[in-house]
């Protein structure tokens, strides 16, 4: 979509309503805006942008065990899931574009360190990507989700140990650390 990113700098509430956009003395589109409080910022769309194409490609999740510890009869396994989504942007227009990618926010998932969106709303992270005329660009958004699994020490099986070693923990180090717990269980 073609859009404008506006900031209300008037010190007054901007009333909601319809608006029209004129570009190079020609009608470019129209849209609706909701009321905007002083210092409020909003992206408002006004037309379809036929010159820009965006393709989103998901990558499979990966999971790894971050830490394993024993506490009060439980084996606590901290895991971290990671995922990536890549946005391929193609600008077929004769002018450069600043493309805003709205990446949805999902509960529990956080952006991996080093990624800074231009803005975050209640339901999306907004990233700005500059794309030259007749060129391509891409944006990869990396996220992580922390989780914990609790197992009774008496329920630890070889299959559980194998599952943990398959997600980032050294099998030898894990067996060495769990040996006192397994010995007590036996």
Protein backbone atom coordinates (compact mmCIF):
# COMPACT_ATOMS: atom_id res chain seq x y z
CA UNK A 1 0.00 0.00 0.00
CA UNK A 2 1.05 3.59 -0.53
CA UNK A 3 1.03 5.32 2.85
CA UNK A 4 2.17 8.34 4.78
CA UNK A 5 3.64 8.31 8.24
CA UNK A 6 2.34 11.32 10.11
CA UNK A 7 3.19 12.85 13.48
CA UNK A 8 0.80 15.32 15.08
CA UNK A 9 3.05 18.24 16.09
CA UNK A 10 0.22 20.78 16.51
CA UNK A 11 -0.28 20.38 20.25
CA UNK A 12 -3.98 19.78 19.52
CA UNK A 13 -5.94 16.62 18.79
CA UNK A 14 -6.23 16.03 15.04
CA UNK A 15 -9.85 15.18 14.18
CA UNK A 16 -10.53 11.97 12.31
CA UNK A 17 -11.97 11.91 8.82
CA UNK A 18 -11.17 11.46 5.18
CA UNK A 19 -8.15 12.88 3.37
CA UNK A 20 -6.87 13.06 -0.20
CA UNK A 21 -3.25 12.94 -1.38
CA UNK A 22 -2.04 15.01 -4.31
CA UNK A 23 1.35 14.10 -5.78
CA UNK A 24 2.95 16.11 -8.60
CA UNK A 25 -0.33 17.98 -9.16
CA UNK A 26 -2.22 14.69 -9.65
CA UNK A 27 -4.63 12.76 -7.44
CA UNK A 28 -2.68 9.91 -5.79
CA UNK A 29 -5.31 8.39 -3.50
CA UNK A 30 -7.53 8.86 -0.49
CA UNK A 31 -8.01 7.32 2.93
CA UNK A 32 -9.44 7.64 6.40
CA UNK A 33 -7.65 8.71 9.55
CA UNK A 34 -8.82 8.25 13.12
CA UNK A 35 -8.34 11.06 15.67
CA UNK A 36 -4.68 11.58 16.54
CA UNK A 37 -3.58 12.97 19.91
CA UNK A 38 -0.78 15.54 20.21
CA UNK A 39 2.63 13.96 19.52
CA UNK A 40 0.82 10.85 18.20
CA UNK A 41 2.32 9.02 15.23
CA UNK A 42 0.48 6.85 12.73
CA UNK A 43 0.88 5.16 9.36
CA UNK A 44 -2.15 5.80 7.14
CA UNK A 45 -2.59 4.20 3.74
CA UNK A 46 -4.24 5.88 0.79
CA UNK A 47 -3.69 3.72 -2.35
CA UNK A 48 -2.42 0.42 -3.68
CA UNK A 49 1.26 0.56 -4.69
CA UNK A 50 1.47 -1.46 -7.89
CA UNK A 51 5.20 -0.81 -8.27
CA UNK A 52 6.30 -2.65 -5.11
CA UNK A 53 6.04 -6.37 -4.41
CA UNK A 54 6.81 -8.01 -1.06
CA UNK A 55 7.20 -11.75 -0.60
CA UNK A 56 7.37 -13.15 2.95
CA UNK A 57 9.22 -16.45 3.44
CA UNK A 58 9.06 -18.34 6.74
CA UNK A 59 11.90 -20.52 7.93
CA UNK A 60 11.45 -23.50 10.20
CA UNK A 61 11.80 -23.09 13.91
CA UNK A 62 14.94 -24.25 15.60
CA UNK A 63 15.09 -25.17 19.25
CA UNK A 64 18.04 -25.50 21.55
CA UNK A 65 18.54 -26.33 25.19
CA UNK A 66 20.11 -23.38 26.98
CA UNK A 67 20.45 -24.70 30.52
CA UNK A 68 19.66 -27.86 32.51
CA UNK A 69 19.49 -27.83 36.31
CA UNK A 70 18.12 -29.96 39.11
CA UNK A 71 16.03 -28.33 41.82
CA UNK A 72 13.77 -29.78 44.53
CA UNK A 73 13.26 -33.13 42.81
CA UNK A 74 12.77 -31.65 39.35
CA UNK A 75 15.00 -31.46 36.32
CA UNK A 76 14.45 -27.98 34.83
CA UNK A 77 15.26 -27.65 31.14
CA UNK A 78 15.43 -24.10 29.75
CA UNK A 79 14.94 -24.00 26.00
CA UNK A 80 15.05 -21.29 23.43
CA UNK A 81 13.20 -21.47 20.16
CA UNK A 82 14.31 -19.29 17.29
CA UNK A 83 12.65 -18.42 14.04
CA UNK A 84 13.27 -16.17 11.08
CA UNK A 85 11.06 -14.53 8.53
CA UNK A 86 12.56 -12.93 5.44
CA UNK A 87 10.78 -10.26 3.43
CA UNK A 88 11.97 -9.92 -0.18
CA UNK A 89 11.08 -6.49 -1.57
CA UNK A 90 11.12 -5.66 -5.29
CA UNK A 91 10.64 -2.06 -6.42
CA UNK A 92 9.61 -1.94 -10.10
CA UNK A 93 8.96 1.80 -9.99
CA UNK A 94 11.26 4.48 -11.44
CA UNK A 95 11.61 6.20 -8.04
CA UNK A 96 13.11 4.95 -4.81
CA UNK A 97 10.78 3.84 -2.02
CA UNK A 98 10.89 3.70 1.76
CA UNK A 99 8.98 0.49 2.44
CA UNK A 100 7.47 -0.11 5.87
CA UNK A 101 7.23 -3.80 6.79
CA UNK A 102 4.71 -4.55 9.52
CA UNK A 103 5.89 -7.74 11.20
CA UNK A 104 3.17 -9.19 13.49
CA UNK A 105 3.83 -9.52 17.21
CA UNK A 106 3.07 -12.90 18.76
CA UNK A 107 2.79 -13.45 22.49
CA UNK A 108 6.06 -14.56 24.11
CA UNK A 109 8.23 -14.00 21.02
CA UNK A 110 10.85 -11.24 21.25
CA UNK A 111 13.14 -9.73 18.65
CA UNK A 112 16.68 -11.07 18.75
CA UNK A 113 19.16 -8.53 20.09
CA UNK A 114 20.35 -5.95 17.61
CA UNK A 115 17.11 -5.61 15.66
CA UNK A 116 15.43 -2.24 16.05
CA UNK A 117 12.08 -1.52 14.47
CA UNK A 118 11.31 2.05 13.49
CA UNK A 119 8.18 1.79 15.62
CA UNK A 120 6.19 -0.79 17.57
CA UNK A 121 2.40 -0.75 17.75
CA UNK A 122 0.12 -2.96 19.81
CA UNK A 123 0.19 -5.72 17.21
CA UNK A 124 3.19 -5.14 14.91
CA UNK A 125 6.83 -4.12 14.69
CA UNK A 126 7.37 -1.63 11.86
CA UNK A 127 10.68 -1.79 10.03
CA UNK A 128 11.73 0.78 7.42
CA UNK A 129 13.60 -0.55 4.37
CA UNK A 130 14.98 1.74 1.66
CA UNK A 131 14.64 0.27 -1.83
CA UNK A 132 16.20 1.99 -4.83
CA UNK A 133 14.35 2.33 -8.13
CA UNK A 134 14.12 -0.93 -10.07
CA UNK A 135 16.00 -2.76 -7.31
CA UNK A 136 15.54 -5.40 -4.65
CA UNK A 137 16.12 -5.39 -0.91
CA UNK A 138 15.42 -7.80 1.90
CA UNK A 139 14.70 -7.75 5.60
CA UNK A 140 15.17 -10.72 7.91
CA UNK A 141 13.36 -10.58 11.25
CA UNK A 142 14.78 -12.94 13.89
CA UNK A 143 12.80 -13.80 17.02
CA UNK A 144 13.24 -16.01 20.06
CA UNK A 145 10.92 -17.62 22.58
CA UNK A 146 12.13 -18.82 25.99
CA UNK A 147 10.48 -21.80 27.64
CA UNK A 148 10.99 -24.23 30.50
CA UNK A 149 10.20 -27.92 30.83
CA UNK A 150 9.95 -29.57 34.26
CA UNK A 151 10.59 -33.27 34.67
CA UNK A 152 10.49 -35.26 37.88
CA UNK A 153 13.97 -36.61 38.52
CA UNK A 154 12.39 -40.06 38.68
CA UNK A 155 10.97 -39.63 35.14
CA UNK A 156 14.27 -38.92 33.38
CA UNK A 157 14.80 -41.51 30.67
CA UNK A 158 17.55 -42.07 28.14
CA UNK A 159 15.13 -40.76 25.52
CA UNK A 160 14.85 -37.46 27.44
CA UNK A 161 18.63 -37.19 27.60
CA UNK A 162 18.90 -37.88 23.87
CA UNK A 163 16.24 -35.22 23.16
CA UNK A 164 18.19 -32.64 25.18
CA UNK A 165 21.48 -33.47 23.47
CA UNK A 166 19.77 -33.09 20.08
CA UNK A 167 19.05 -29.43 20.84
CA UNK A 168 22.43 -28.05 21.77
CA UNK A 169 23.68 -29.75 24.94
CA UNK A 170 26.79 -31.91 24.87
CA UNK A 171 25.77 -35.55 25.58
CA UNK A 172 28.93 -36.22 27.61
CA UNK A 173 28.62 -33.04 29.71
CA UNK A 174 24.92 -33.70 30.35
CA UNK A 175 25.52 -37.30 31.45
CA UNK A 176 28.38 -36.20 33.72
CA UNK A 177 26.19 -33.55 35.40
CA UNK A 178 23.14 -35.83 35.67
CA UNK A 179 25.06 -38.85 36.99
CA UNK A 180 24.52 -37.96 40.69
CA UNK A 181 20.76 -37.51 40.06
CA UNK A 182 20.54 -40.75 38.07
CA UNK A 183 22.55 -42.60 40.72
CA UNK A 184 20.14 -41.45 43.44
CA UNK A 185 17.20 -42.51 41.30
CA UNK A 186 18.70 -46.02 40.88
